Protein backbone atom coordinates (compact mmCIF):
# COMPACT_ATOMS: atom_id res chain seq x y z
CA UNK A 1 -21.52 -12.97 11.56
CA UNK A 2 -22.77 -16.52 11.44
CA UNK A 3 -22.55 -18.82 8.44
CA UNK A 4 -26.18 -18.04 7.58
CA UNK A 5 -27.43 -15.45 5.11
CA UNK A 6 -27.48 -12.80 7.83
CA UNK A 7 -25.91 -9.49 6.93
CA UNK A 8 -22.54 -8.98 8.66
CA UNK A 9 -22.15 -6.21 11.20
CA UNK A 10 -20.97 -3.10 9.37
CA UNK A 11 -17.70 -1.47 10.36
CA UNK A 12 -16.11 1.84 9.53
CA UNK A 13 -13.18 2.13 7.09
CA UNK A 14 -10.97 3.14 10.03
CA UNK A 15 -11.72 -0.23 11.68
CA UNK A 16 -10.46 -2.08 8.60
CA UNK A 17 -7.36 0.12 8.37
CA UNK A 18 -6.34 -0.93 11.89
CA UNK A 19 -5.84 -4.55 10.76
CA UNK A 20 -2.30 -5.06 9.39
CA UNK A 21 -2.91 -7.58 6.60
CA UNK A 22 0.39 -8.21 4.85
CA UNK A 23 1.98 -10.58 2.37
CA UNK A 24 4.43 -13.09 3.83
CA UNK A 25 6.66 -15.48 1.92
CA UNK A 26 7.23 -18.86 3.57
CA UNK A 27 10.96 -19.40 4.14
CA UNK A 28 10.71 -22.56 6.24
CA UNK A 29 7.98 -24.99 7.29
CA UNK A 30 8.35 -27.86 9.74
CA UNK A 31 6.00 -29.95 11.87
CA UNK A 32 5.18 -28.56 15.30
CA UNK A 33 5.87 -31.72 17.26
CA UNK A 34 4.44 -30.26 20.49
CA UNK A 35 1.02 -29.45 18.99
CA UNK A 36 -1.98 -31.54 20.09
CA UNK A 37 -3.51 -31.16 16.61
CA UNK A 38 -1.18 -31.44 13.60
CA UNK A 39 0.40 -28.08 12.79
CA UNK A 40 3.43 -26.53 11.15
CA UNK A 41 5.84 -23.93 12.45
CA UNK A 42 6.34 -21.41 9.65
CA UNK A 43 9.18 -18.93 9.29
CA UNK A 44 7.80 -16.04 7.26
CA UNK A 45 9.54 -13.23 5.37
CA UNK A 46 7.61 -9.99 5.80
CA UNK A 47 10.07 -7.83 3.85
CA UNK A 48 10.78 -4.59 5.72
CA UNK A 49 9.11 -6.01 8.85
CA UNK A 50 11.67 -8.82 9.02
CA UNK A 51 10.97 -12.48 9.66
CA UNK A 52 8.21 -13.76 11.92
CA UNK A 53 7.12 -17.17 13.20
CA UNK A 54 3.62 -18.65 13.06
CA UNK A 55 2.16 -21.98 14.17
CA UNK A 56 -0.62 -23.00 11.80
CA UNK A 57 -2.97 -25.99 11.60
CA UNK A 58 -2.73 -26.33 7.83
CA UNK A 59 -1.51 -29.92 7.45
CA UNK A 60 -4.56 -31.31 5.63
CA UNK A 61 -3.86 -29.67 2.26
CA UNK A 62 -0.17 -28.77 2.48
CA UNK A 63 3.18 -30.45 3.05
CA UNK A 64 6.14 -28.42 4.35
CA UNK A 65 7.77 -28.69 0.91
CA UNK A 66 4.68 -27.25 -0.82
CA UNK A 67 4.70 -24.24 1.50
CA UNK A 68 8.27 -23.06 0.85
CA UNK A 69 8.18 -19.95 -1.33
CA UNK A 70 4.39 -19.66 -1.15
CA UNK A 71 3.00 -16.21 -0.43
CA UNK A 72 0.30 -15.97 2.24
CA UNK A 73 -1.88 -13.28 3.73
CA UNK A 74 -1.14 -12.69 7.43
CA UNK A 75 -2.50 -10.52 10.22
CA UNK A 76 0.58 -8.86 11.68
CA UNK A 77 -0.76 -6.75 14.53
CA UNK A 78 -2.28 -9.30 16.90
CA UNK A 79 -0.31 -9.80 20.11
CA UNK A 80 2.09 -12.76 20.02
CA UNK A 81 0.78 -15.90 21.67
CA UNK A 82 2.32 -19.18 22.81
CA UNK A 83 1.00 -22.06 20.71
CA UNK A 84 2.27 -25.54 21.57
CA UNK A 85 5.66 -24.25 22.67
CA UNK A 86 6.01 -21.76 19.80
CA UNK A 87 5.81 -17.98 20.07
CA UNK A 88 3.39 -17.37 17.20
CA UNK A 89 3.86 -13.77 16.05
CA UNK A 90 1.44 -13.51 13.11
CA UNK A 91 -1.83 -15.14 12.12
CA UNK A 92 -1.86 -16.95 8.78
CA UNK A 93 -5.26 -16.51 7.10
CA UNK A 94 -7.46 -18.89 5.16
CA UNK A 95 -10.94 -20.34 4.91
CA UNK A 96 -12.35 -23.75 5.77
CA UNK A 97 -13.34 -26.02 2.90
CA UNK A 98 -16.44 -28.26 2.98
CA UNK A 99 -14.54 -30.75 5.17
CA UNK A 100 -13.38 -28.12 7.68
CA UNK A 101 -9.77 -28.08 6.42
CA UNK A 102 -7.98 -24.76 6.03
CA UNK A 103 -7.32 -23.47 2.52
CA UNK A 104 -4.75 -20.67 2.72
CA UNK A 105 -5.41 -17.15 1.49
CA UNK A 106 -2.71 -16.58 -1.09
CA UNK A 107 -1.89 -14.60 -4.22
CA UNK A 108 -2.22 -15.39 -7.91
CA UNK A 109 0.87 -13.34 -8.86
CA UNK A 110 4.04 -12.62 -6.87
CA UNK A 111 4.12 -9.45 -4.80
CA UNK A 112 6.89 -8.06 -2.57
CA UNK A 113 7.01 -9.61 0.89
CA UNK A 114 5.60 -7.25 3.49
CA UNK A 115 3.18 -5.54 1.08
CA UNK A 116 0.07 -4.38 2.88
CA UNK A 117 -3.29 -5.52 1.56
CA UNK A 118 -4.80 -2.73 -0.53
């Protein structure tokens, strides 16, 4: 789908169920010094799935200190990929604001780490 008013392509419920969207709690956040564009390396607690690493370009709105303890929505079943020297194991989700900066998808109330999006 484009950013226009066009109707998105419809998918089946089974397509949506294949995407592992889960809650992760940020345990650690530090600058990814090898990244060409500013990014953080995040250590994420996914509860029963254990901890995972993600490299995310989210430096415009967040400092590492602001991210610790924050709960984020992550895609957990993409293949791992190397990002600026980091094996990124999950995709942190968000949306771009009017300036093109990422605003993280997060939760209003605490939920257990690893909870699947319902």
